[in-house]
């Protein structure tokens, strides 16, 4: 029995993940949670690319997702390094308590 998932379900899941990510960025004050929410939004966009790539039987979307994942991996390394540096100097990752203009 072949039960193929419709494109709309993939897009609905991607929209839900993206909305959760936006809500996390807008409501949270912790830099790590905001960072994870941004990564969730990137993965929602990647899911959309993969869904359309599969639907159109074209590998261009999958190649683009591979490039986005490589950039996201570099972003994670740099972002976490910045967060660790801020934590060492300010001893908090709360974005309301961090003023980067004054060390």
PDB file of N, CA and C in Angstrom:
ATOM      1  N   UNK A   1       0.840  -1.169   0.000  1.00  0.00           N
ATOM      2  CA  UNK A   1       0.000   0.000   0.000  1.00  0.00           C
ATOM      3  C   UNK A   1       0.891   1.241   0.000  1.00  0.00           C
ATOM      4  N   UNK A   2       0.762   2.064  -1.019  1.00  0.00           N
ATOM      5  CA  UNK A   2       1.572   3.273  -1.175  1.00  0.00           C
ATOM      6  C   UNK A   2       0.805   4.464  -0.611  1.00  0.00           C
ATOM      7  N   UNK A   3       1.284   4.964   0.509  1.00  0.00           N
ATOM      8  CA  UNK A   3       0.634   6.111   1.142  1.00  0.00           C
ATOM      9  C   UNK A   3       1.558   7.316   1.048  1.00  0.00           C
ATOM     10  N   UNK A   4       1.487   8.040  -0.054  1.00  0.00           N
ATOM     11  CA  UNK A   4       2.326   9.210  -0.259  1.00  0.00           C
ATOM     12  C   UNK A   4       1.737  10.395   0.500  1.00  0.00           C
ATOM     13  N   UNK A   5       2.613  11.157   1.102  1.00  0.00           N
ATOM     14  CA  UNK A   5       2.187  12.344   1.843  1.00  0.00           C
ATOM     15  C   UNK A   5       2.071  13.506   0.861  1.00  0.00           C
ATOM     16  N   UNK A   6       0.959  14.208   0.943  1.00  0.00           N
ATOM     17  CA  UNK A   6       0.683  15.325   0.052  1.00  0.00           C
ATOM     18  C   UNK A   6       1.606  16.503   0.372  1.00  0.00           C
ATOM     19  N   UNK A   7       1.857  17.335  -0.634  1.00  0.00           N
ATOM     20  CA  UNK A   7       2.723  18.502  -0.474  1.00  0.00           C
ATOM     21  C   UNK A   7       2.180  19.461   0.579  1.00  0.00           C
ATOM     22  N   UNK A   8       0.882  19.579   0.673  1.00  0.00           N
ATOM     23  CA  UNK A   8       0.272  20.491   1.632  1.00  0.00           C
ATOM     24  C   UNK A   8       0.617  20.158   3.067  1.00  0.00           C
ATOM     25  N   UNK A   9       0.751  18.873   3.384  1.00  0.00           N
ATOM     26  CA  UNK A   9       1.110  18.477   4.752  1.00  0.00           C
ATOM     27  C   UNK A   9       2.529  18.914   5.093  1.00  0.00           C
ATOM     28  N   UNK A  10       3.430  18.778   4.136  1.00  0.00           N
ATOM     29  CA  UNK A  10       4.802  19.243   4.372  1.00  0.00           C
ATOM     30  C   UNK A  10       4.832  20.759   4.589  1.00  0.00           C
ATOM     31  N   UNK A  11       4.074  21.475   3.764  1.00  0.00           N
ATOM     32  CA  UNK A  11       4.058  22.934   3.884  1.00  0.00           C
ATOM     33  C   UNK A  11       3.398  23.379   5.184  1.00  0.00           C
ATOM     34  N   UNK A  12       2.353  22.656   5.610  1.00  0.00           N
ATOM     35  CA  UNK A  12       1.702  22.990   6.884  1.00  0.00           C
ATOM     36  C   UNK A  12       2.653  22.755   8.051  1.00  0.00           C
ATOM     37  N   UNK A  13       3.389  21.648   8.026  1.00  0.00           N
ATOM     38  CA  UNK A  13       4.365  21.378   9.081  1.00  0.00           C
ATOM     39  C   UNK A  13       5.471  22.419   9.087  1.00  0.00           C
ATOM     40  N   UNK A  14       5.949  22.803   7.901  1.00  0.00           N
ATOM     41  CA  UNK A  14       6.992  23.824   7.813  1.00  0.00           C
ATOM     42  C   UNK A  14       6.482  25.162   8.330  1.00  0.00           C
ATOM     43  N   UNK A  15       5.236  25.505   8.016  1.00  0.00           N
ATOM     44  CA  UNK A  15       4.664  26.761   8.508  1.00  0.00           C
ATOM     45  C   UNK A  15       4.525  26.729  10.025  1.00  0.00           C
ATOM     46  N   UNK A  16       4.116  25.589  10.575  1.00  0.00           N
ATOM     47  CA  UNK A  16       3.997  25.452  12.024  1.00  0.00           C
ATOM     48  C   UNK A  16       5.354  25.592  12.706  1.00  0.00           C
ATOM     49  N   UNK A  17       6.371  24.933  12.171  1.00  0.00           N
ATOM     50  CA  UNK A  17       7.717  25.040  12.734  1.00  0.00           C
ATOM     51  C   UNK A  17       8.238  26.468  12.640  1.00  0.00           C
ATOM     52  N   UNK A  18       7.978  27.128  11.524  1.00  0.00           N
ATOM     53  CA  UNK A  18       8.438  28.503  11.359  1.00  0.00           C
ATOM     54  C   UNK A  18       7.743  29.423  12.359  1.00  0.00           C
ATOM     55  N   UNK A  19       6.445  29.230  12.566  1.00  0.00           N
ATOM     56  CA  UNK A  19       5.708  30.061  13.529  1.00  0.00           C
ATOM     57  C   UNK A  19       6.195  29.833  14.956  1.00  0.00           C
ATOM     58  N   UNK A  20       6.519  28.594  15.294  1.00  0.00           N
ATOM     59  CA  UNK A  20       7.083  28.313  16.619  1.00  0.00           C
ATOM     60  C   UNK A  20       8.424  29.023  16.774  1.00  0.00           C
ATOM     61  N   UNK A  21       9.236  29.012  15.726  1.00  0.00           N
ATOM     62  CA  UNK A  21      10.516  29.706  15.764  1.00  0.00           C
ATOM     63  C   UNK A  21      10.361  31.203  15.917  1.00  0.00           C
ATOM     64  N   UNK A  22       9.413  31.793  15.196  1.00  0.00           N
ATOM     65  CA  UNK A  22       9.166  33.234  15.309  1.00  0.00           C
ATOM     66  C   UNK A  22       8.688  33.577  16.713  1.00  0.00           C
ATOM     67  N   UNK A  23       7.800  32.751  17.249  1.00  0.00           N
ATOM     68  CA  UNK A  23       7.306  32.995  18.611  1.00  0.00           C
ATOM     69  C   UNK A  23       8.448  32.913  19.621  1.00  0.00           C
ATOM     70  N   UNK A  24       9.368  31.974  19.427  1.00  0.00           N
ATOM     71  CA  UNK A  24      10.514  31.861  20.318  1.00  0.00           C
ATOM     72  C   UNK A  24      11.429  33.067  20.257  1.00  0.00           C
ATOM     73  N   UNK A  25      11.636  33.600  19.061  1.00  0.00           N
ATOM     74  CA  UNK A  25      12.492  34.782  18.914  1.00  0.00           C
ATOM     75  C   UNK A  25      11.836  36.010  19.540  1.00  0.00           C
ATOM     76  N   UNK A  26      10.530  36.146  19.362  1.00  0.00           N
ATOM     77  CA  UNK A  26       9.856  37.347  19.833  1.00  0.00           C
ATOM     78  C   UNK A  26       9.556  37.346  21.332  1.00  0.00           C
ATOM     79  N   UNK A  27       9.422  36.184  21.950  1.00  0.00           N
ATOM     80  CA  UNK A  27       8.987  36.152  23.350  1.00  0.00           C
ATOM     81  C   UNK A  27      10.091  35.823  24.346  1.00  0.00           C
ATOM     82  N   UNK A  28      11.159  35.217  23.930  1.00  0.00           N
ATOM     83  CA  UNK A  28      12.191  34.783  24.870  1.00  0.00           C
ATOM     84  C   UNK A  28      13.267  35.838  25.044  1.00  0.00           C
ATOM     85  N   UNK A  29      13.917  35.821  26.204  1.00  0.00           N
ATOM     86  CA  UNK A  29      15.003  36.748  26.515  1.00  0.00           C
ATOM     87  C   UNK A  29      16.352  36.048  26.587  1.00  0.00           C
ATOM     88  N   UNK A  30      16.361  34.733  26.609  1.00  0.00           N
ATOM     89  CA  UNK A  30      17.596  33.974  26.696  1.00  0.00           C
ATOM     90  C   UNK A  30      18.210  33.860  25.300  1.00  0.00           C
ATOM     91  N   UNK A  31      19.477  34.203  25.184  1.00  0.00           N
ATOM     92  CA  UNK A  31      20.144  34.195  23.884  1.00  0.00           C
ATOM     93  C   UNK A  31      20.210  32.789  23.283  1.00  0.00           C
ATOM     94  N   UNK A  32      20.373  31.765  24.108  1.00  0.00           N
ATOM     95  CA  UNK A  32      20.424  30.401  23.582  1.00  0.00           C
ATOM     96  C   UNK A  32      19.084  29.968  23.006  1.00  0.00           C
ATOM     97  N   UNK A  33      17.993  30.322  23.668  1.00  0.00           N
ATOM     98  CA  UNK A  33      16.665  29.967  23.168  1.00  0.00           C
ATOM     99  C   UNK A  33      16.378  30.711  21.863  1.00  0.00           C
ATOM    100  N   UNK A  34      16.769  31.970  21.791  1.00  0.00           N
ATOM    101  CA  UNK A  34      16.595  32.736  20.550  1.00  0.00           C
ATOM    102  C   UNK A  34      17.402  32.108  19.431  1.00  0.00           C
ATOM    103  N   UNK A  35      18.608  31.687  19.741  1.00  0.00           N
ATOM    104  CA  UNK A  35      19.469  31.049  18.747  1.00  0.00           C
ATOM    105  C   UNK A  35      18.850  29.736  18.251  1.00  0.00           C
ATOM    106  N   UNK A  36      18.305  28.944  19.160  1.00  0.00           N
ATOM    107  CA  UNK A  36      17.646  27.692  18.761  1.00  0.00           C
ATOM    108  C   UNK A  36      16.391  27.972  17.939  1.00  0.00           C
ATOM    109  N   UNK A  37      15.688  29.044  18.242  1.00  0.00           N
ATOM    110  CA  UNK A  37      14.492  29.395  17.478  1.00  0.00           C
ATOM    111  C   UNK A  37      14.851  29.795  16.048  1.00  0.00           C
ATOM    112  N   UNK A  38      15.947  30.493  15.882  1.00  0.00           N
ATOM    113  CA  UNK A  38      16.406  30.852  14.539  1.00  0.00           C
ATOM    114  C   UNK A  38      16.766  29.599  13.752  1.00  0.00           C
ATOM    115  N   UNK A  39      17.413  28.647  14.405  1.00  0.00           N
ATOM    116  CA  UNK A  39      17.745  27.387  13.735  1.00  0.00           C
ATOM    117  C   UNK A  39      16.480  26.618  13.364  1.00  0.00           C
ATOM    118  N   UNK A  40      15.449  26.687  14.208  1.00  0.00           N
ATOM    119  CA  UNK A  40      14.181  26.036  13.898  1.00  0.00           C
ATOM    120  C   UNK A  40      13.544  26.662  12.659  1.00  0.00           C
ATOM    121  N   UNK A  41      13.637  27.978  12.539  1.00  0.00           N
ATOM    122  CA  UNK A  41      13.105  28.644  11.348  1.00  0.00           C
ATOM    123  C   UNK A  41      13.882  28.248  10.096  1.00  0.00           C
ATOM    124  N   UNK A  42      15.199  28.119  10.214  1.00  0.00           N
ATOM    125  CA  UNK A  42      15.995  27.670   9.067  1.00  0.00           C
ATOM    126  C   UNK A  42      15.604  26.259   8.641  1.00  0.00           C
ATOM    127  N   UNK A  43      15.368  25.380   9.610  1.00  0.00           N
ATOM    128  CA  UNK A  43      14.975  24.021   9.278  1.00  0.00           C
ATOM    129  C   UNK A  43      13.581  23.969   8.664  1.00  0.00           C
ATOM    130  N   UNK A  44      12.686  24.869   9.066  1.00  0.00           N
ATOM    131  CA  UNK A  44      11.363  24.929   8.447  1.00  0.00           C
ATOM    132  C   UNK A  44      11.477  25.328   6.975  1.00  0.00           C
ATOM    133  N   UNK A  45      12.340  26.267   6.691  1.00  0.00           N
ATOM    134  CA  UNK A  45      12.556  26.672   5.300  1.00  0.00           C
ATOM    135  C   UNK A  45      13.188  25.529   4.513  1.00  0.00           C
ATOM    136  N   UNK A  46      14.127  24.820   5.134  1.00  0.00           N
ATOM    137  CA  UNK A  46      14.735  23.667   4.466  1.00  0.00           C
ATOM    138  C   UNK A  46      13.700  22.596   4.152  1.00  0.00           C
ATOM    139  N   UNK A  47      12.764  22.366   5.062  1.00  0.00           N
ATOM    140  CA  UNK A  47      11.698  21.395   4.812  1.00  0.00           C
ATOM    141  C   UNK A  47      10.850  21.825   3.618  1.00  0.00           C
ATOM    142  N   UNK A  48      10.602  23.109   3.493  1.00  0.00           N
ATOM    143  CA  UNK A  48       9.850  23.614   2.346  1.00  0.00           C
ATOM    144  C   UNK A  48      10.618  23.383   1.047  1.00  0.00           C
ATOM    145  N   UNK A  49      11.912  23.659   1.062  1.00  0.00           N
ATOM    146  CA  UNK A  49      12.726  23.409  -0.132  1.00  0.00           C
ATOM    147  C   UNK A  49      12.705  21.937  -0.523  1.00  0.00           C
ATOM    148  N   UNK A  50      12.846  21.053   0.446  1.00  0.00           N
ATOM    149  CA  UNK A  50      12.855  19.621   0.167  1.00  0.00           C
ATOM    150  C   UNK A  50      11.494  19.165  -0.357  1.00  0.00           C
ATOM    151  N   UNK A  51      10.416  19.681   0.232  1.00  0.00           N
ATOM    152  CA  UNK A  51       9.075  19.286  -0.209  1.00  0.00           C
ATOM    153  C   UNK A  51       8.832  19.702  -1.657  1.00  0.00           C
ATOM    154  N   UNK A  52       9.185  20.934  -1.996  1.00  0.00           N
ATOM    155  CA  UNK A  52       8.996  21.372  -3.375  1.00  0.00           C
ATOM    156  C   UNK A  52       9.933  20.637  -4.327  1.00  0.00           C
ATOM    157  N   UNK A  53      11.135  20.352  -3.877  1.00  0.00           N
ATOM    158  CA  UNK A  53      12.076  19.607  -4.705  1.00  0.00           C
ATOM    159  C   UNK A  53      11.544  18.215  -5.019  1.00  0.00           C
ATOM    160  N   UNK A  54      10.966  17.578  -4.012  1.00  0.00           N
ATOM    161  CA  UNK A  54      10.396  16.236  -4.223  1.00  0.00           C
ATOM    162  C   UNK A  54       9.156  16.310  -5.109  1.00  0.00           C
ATOM    163  N   UNK A  55       8.347  17.339  -4.891  1.00  0.00           N
ATOM    164  CA  UNK A  55       7.118  17.481  -5.665  1.00  0.00           C
ATOM    165  C   UNK A  55       7.404  17.752  -7.141  1.00  0.00           C
ATOM    166  N   UNK A  56       8.420  18.532  -7.406  1.00  0.00           N
ATOM    167  CA  UNK A  56       8.760  18.892  -8.784  1.00  0.00           C
ATOM    168  C   UNK A  56       9.766  17.937  -9.416  1.00  0.00           C
ATOM    169  N   UNK A  57      10.207  16.933  -8.663  1.00  0.00           N
ATOM    170  CA  UNK A  57      11.240  15.964  -9.087  1.00  0.00           C
ATOM    171  C   UNK A  57      12.462  16.684  -9.661  1.00  0.00           C
ATOM    172  N   UNK A  58      12.952  17.636  -8.881  1.00  0.00           N
ATOM    173  CA  UNK A  58      14.113  18.423  -9.253  1.00  0.00           C
ATOM    174  C   UNK A  58      15.051  18.448  -8.052  1.00  0.00           C
ATOM    175  N   UNK A  59      16.344  18.266  -8.274  1.00  0.00           N
ATOM    176  CA  UNK A  59      17.287  18.197  -7.161  1.00  0.00           C
ATOM    177  C   UNK A  59      17.860  19.552  -6.782  1.00  0.00           C
ATOM    178  N   UNK A  60      17.449  20.618  -7.438  1.00  0.00           N
ATOM    179  CA  UNK A  60      17.992  21.941  -7.126  1.00  0.00           C
ATOM    180  C   UNK A  60      17.676  22.361  -5.690  1.00  0.00           C
ATOM    181  N   UNK A  61      16.488  22.068  -5.226  1.00  0.00           N
ATOM    182  CA  UNK A  61      16.120  22.399  -3.859  1.00  0.00           C
ATOM    183  C   UNK A  61      16.948  21.638  -2.843  1.00  0.00           C
ATOM    184  N   UNK A  62      17.256  20.389  -3.133  1.00  0.00           N
ATOM    185  CA  UNK A  62      18.060  19.578  -2.217  1.00  0.00           C
ATOM    186  C   UNK A  62      19.491  20.082  -2.158  1.00  0.00           C
ATOM    187  N   UNK A  63      20.021  20.527  -3.272  1.00  0.00           N
ATOM    188  CA  UNK A  63      21.370  21.100  -3.291  1.00  0.00           C
ATOM    189  C   UNK A  63      21.397  22.391  -2.491  1.00  0.00           C
ATOM    190  N   UNK A  64      20.352  23.204  -2.638  1.00  0.00           N
ATOM    191  CA  UNK A  64      20.275  24.452  -1.893  1.00  0.00           C
ATOM    192  C   UNK A  64      20.180  24.187  -0.394  1.00  0.00           C
ATOM    193  N   UNK A  65      19.435  23.152  -0.005  1.00  0.00           N
ATOM    194  CA  UNK A  65      19.330  22.784   1.410  1.00  0.00           C
ATOM    195  C   UNK A  65      20.687  22.357   1.952  1.00  0.00           C
ATOM    196  N   UNK A  66      21.445  21.634   1.167  1.00  0.00           N
ATOM    197  CA  UNK A  66      22.780  21.232   1.595  1.00  0.00           C
ATOM    198  C   UNK A  66      23.655  22.461   1.863  1.00  0.00           C
ATOM    199  N   UNK A  67      23.576  23.450   1.001  1.00  0.00           N
ATOM    200  CA  UNK A  67      24.352  24.674   1.200  1.00  0.00           C
ATOM    201  C   UNK A  67      23.861  25.448   2.423  1.00  0.00           C
ATOM    202  N   UNK A  68      22.551  25.511   2.625  1.00  0.00           N
ATOM    203  CA  UNK A  68      22.002  26.208   3.792  1.00  0.00           C
ATOM    204  C   UNK A  68      22.441  25.509   5.073  1.00  0.00           C
ATOM    205  N   UNK A  69      22.475  24.181   5.071  1.00  0.00           N
ATOM    206  CA  UNK A  69      22.903  23.448   6.263  1.00  0.00           C
ATOM    207  C   UNK A  69      24.383  23.679   6.549  1.00  0.00           C
ATOM    208  N   UNK A  70      25.197  23.801   5.519  1.00  0.00           N
ATOM    209  CA  UNK A  70      26.616  24.086   5.731  1.00  0.00           C
ATOM    210  C   UNK A  70      26.807  25.476   6.332  1.00  0.00           C
ATOM    211  N   UNK A  71      26.050  26.450   5.835  1.00  0.00           N
ATOM    212  CA  UNK A  71      26.132  27.802   6.385  1.00  0.00           C
ATOM    213  C   UNK A  71      25.594  27.824   7.816  1.00  0.00           C
ATOM    214  N   UNK A  72      24.531  27.065   8.079  1.00  0.00           N
ATOM    215  CA  UNK A  72      23.958  27.015   9.429  1.00  0.00           C
ATOM    216  C   UNK A  72      24.937  26.390  10.415  1.00  0.00           C
ATOM    217  N   UNK A  73      25.704  25.403   9.979  1.00  0.00           N
ATOM    218  CA  UNK A  73      26.701  24.798  10.862  1.00  0.00           C
ATOM    219  C   UNK A  73      27.784  25.812  11.229  1.00  0.00           C
ATOM    220  N   UNK A  74      28.213  26.603  10.261  1.00  0.00           N
ATOM    221  CA  UNK A  74      29.188  27.651  10.553  1.00  0.00           C
ATOM    222  C   UNK A  74      28.580  28.716  11.455  1.00  0.00           C
ATOM    223  N   UNK A  75      27.304  29.024  11.242  1.00  0.00           N
ATOM    224  CA  UNK A  75      26.613  30.007  12.077  1.00  0.00           C
ATOM    225  C   UNK A  75      26.521  29.533  13.521  1.00  0.00           C
ATOM    226  N   UNK A  76      26.274  28.264  13.708  1.00  0.00           N
ATOM    227  CA  UNK A  76      26.203  27.706  15.061  1.00  0.00           C
ATOM    228  C   UNK A  76      27.547  27.855  15.766  1.00  0.00           C
ATOM    229  N   UNK A  77      28.617  27.545  15.071  1.00  0.00           N
ATOM    230  CA  UNK A  77      29.946  27.641  15.686  1.00  0.00           C
ATOM    231  C   UNK A  77      30.261  29.083  16.086  1.00  0.00           C
ATOM    232  N   UNK A  78      30.013  30.016  15.195  1.00  0.00           N
ATOM    233  CA  UNK A  78      30.304  31.427  15.489  1.00  0.00           C
ATOM    234  C   UNK A  78      29.343  31.964  16.543  1.00  0.00           C
ATOM    235  N   UNK A  79      28.063  31.654  16.417  1.00  0.00           N
ATOM    236  CA  UNK A  79      27.073  32.142  17.363  1.00  0.00           C
ATOM    237  C   UNK A  79      27.314  31.650  18.776  1.00  0.00           C
ATOM    238  N   UNK A  80      27.610  30.369  18.915  1.00  0.00           N
ATOM    239  CA  UNK A  80      27.886  29.837  20.247  1.00  0.00           C
ATOM    240  C   UNK A  80      29.168  30.416  20.828  1.00  0.00           C
ATOM    241  N   UNK A  81      30.154  30.681  19.988  1.00  0.00           N
ATOM    242  CA  UNK A  81      31.382  31.311  20.474  1.00  0.00           C
ATOM    243  C   UNK A  81      31.092  32.725  20.996  1.00  0.00           C
ATOM    244  N   UNK A  82      30.239  33.454  20.301  1.00  0.00           N
ATOM    245  CA  UNK A  82      29.866  34.795  20.757  1.00  0.00           C
ATOM    246  C   UNK A  82      29.092  34.719  22.062  1.00  0.00           C
ATOM    247  N   UNK A  83      28.160  33.776  22.164  1.00  0.00           N
ATOM    248  CA  UNK A  83      27.367  33.632  23.386  1.00  0.00           C
ATOM    249  C   UNK A  83      28.256  33.250  24.570  1.00  0.00           C
ATOM    250  N   UNK A  84      29.221  32.354  24.348  1.00  0.00           N
ATOM    251  CA  UNK A  84      30.137  31.968  25.425  1.00  0.00           C
ATOM    252  C   UNK A  84      30.999  33.150  25.850  1.00  0.00           C
ATOM    253  N   UNK A  85      31.453  33.939  24.907  1.00  0.00           N
ATOM    254  CA  UNK A  85      32.260  35.117  25.231  1.00  0.00           C
ATOM    255  C   UNK A  85      31.443  36.134  26.030  1.00  0.00           C
ATOM    256  N   UNK A  86      30.214  36.362  25.623  1.00  0.00           N
ATOM    257  CA  UNK A  86      29.358  37.281  26.379  1.00  0.00           C
ATOM    258  C   UNK A  86      29.115  36.739  27.777  1.00  0.00           C
ATOM    259  N   UNK A  87      28.893  35.446  27.902  1.00  0.00           N
ATOM    260  CA  UNK A  87      28.655  34.859  29.225  1.00  0.00           C
ATOM    261  C   UNK A  87      29.881  34.987  30.126  1.00  0.00           C
ATOM    262  N   UNK A  88      31.063  34.851  29.553  1.00  0.00           N
ATOM    263  CA  UNK A  88      32.280  34.986  30.363  1.00  0.00           C
ATOM    264  C   UNK A  88      32.459  36.406  30.891  1.00  0.00           C
ATOM    265  N   UNK A  89      32.066  37.388  30.099  1.00  0.00           N
ATOM    266  CA  UNK A  89      32.242  38.780  30.523  1.00  0.00           C
ATOM    267  C   UNK A  89      31.092  39.272  31.390  1.00  0.00           C
ATOM    268  N   UNK A  90      29.869  38.903  31.075  1.00  0.00           N
ATOM    269  CA  UNK A  90      28.701  39.431  31.776  1.00  0.00           C
ATOM    270  C   UNK A  90      28.048  38.443  32.740  1.00  0.00           C
ATOM    271  N   UNK A  91      28.407  37.174  32.652  1.00  0.00           N
ATOM    272  CA  UNK A  91      27.855  36.098  33.480  1.00  0.00           C
ATOM    273  C   UNK A  91      26.346  35.951  33.343  1.00  0.00           C
ATOM    274  N   UNK A  92      25.819  36.289  32.179  1.00  0.00           N
ATOM    275  CA  UNK A  92      24.413  36.081  31.869  1.00  0.00           C
ATOM    276  C   UNK A  92      24.251  36.001  30.356  1.00  0.00           C
ATOM    277  N   UNK A  93      23.190  35.325  29.925  1.00  0.00           N
ATOM    278  CA  UNK A  93      22.862  35.298  28.502  1.00  0.00           C
ATOM    279  C   UNK A  93      21.495  35.943  28.273  1.00  0.00           C
ATOM    280  N   UNK A  94      20.993  36.660  29.265  1.00  0.00           N
ATOM    281  CA  UNK A  94      19.737  37.391  29.145  1.00  0.00           C
ATOM    282  C   UNK A  94      20.001  38.628  28.295  1.00  0.00           C
ATOM    283  N   UNK A  95      19.286  38.757  27.182  1.00  0.00           N
ATOM    284  CA  UNK A  95      19.593  39.840  26.252  1.00  0.00           C
ATOM    285  C   UNK A  95      19.214  41.206  26.794  1.00  0.00           C
ATOM    286  N   UNK A  96      18.326  41.261  27.779  1.00  0.00           N
ATOM    287  CA  UNK A  96      17.980  42.552  28.375  1.00  0.00           C
ATOM    288  C   UNK A  96      19.078  43.068  29.296  1.00  0.00           C
ATOM    289  N   UNK A  97      19.876  42.170  29.854  1.00  0.00           N
ATOM    290  CA  UNK A  97      20.918  42.569  30.801  1.00  0.00           C
ATOM    291  C   UNK A  97      22.286  42.758  30.157  1.00  0.00           C
ATOM    292  N   UNK A  98      22.388  42.475  28.879  1.00  0.00           N
ATOM    293  CA  UNK A  98      23.679  42.571  28.193  1.00  0.00           C
ATOM    294  C   UNK A  98      23.700  43.862  27.381  1.00  0.00           C
ATOM    295  N   UNK A  99      24.656  44.698  27.686  1.00  0.00           N
ATOM    296  CA  UNK A  99      24.897  45.918  26.904  1.00  0.00           C
ATOM    297  C   UNK A  99      26.281  45.789  26.316  1.00  0.00           C
ATOM    298  N   UNK A 100      26.360  45.547  25.026  1.00  0.00           N
ATOM    299  CA  UNK A 100      27.649  45.283  24.404  1.00  0.00           C
ATOM    300  C   UNK A 100      28.497  46.541  24.212  1.00  0.00           C
ATOM    301  N   UNK A 101      27.902  47.712  24.390  1.00  0.00           N
ATOM    302  CA  UNK A 101      28.676  48.935  24.206  1.00  0.00           C
ATOM    303  C   UNK A 101      29.549  49.234  25.412  1.00  0.00           C
ATOM    304  N   UNK A 102      29.181  48.711  26.581  1.00  0.00           N
ATOM    305  CA  UNK A 102      29.980  48.908  27.794  1.00  0.00           C
ATOM    306  C   UNK A 102      30.440  47.540  28.305  1.00  0.00           C
ATOM    307  N   UNK A 103      31.732  47.318  28.400  1.00  0.00           N
ATOM    308  CA  UNK A 103      32.241  46.059  28.955  1.00  0.00           C
ATOM    309  C   UNK A 103      32.426  46.265  30.414  1.00  0.00           C
TER     310      UNK A 103
END
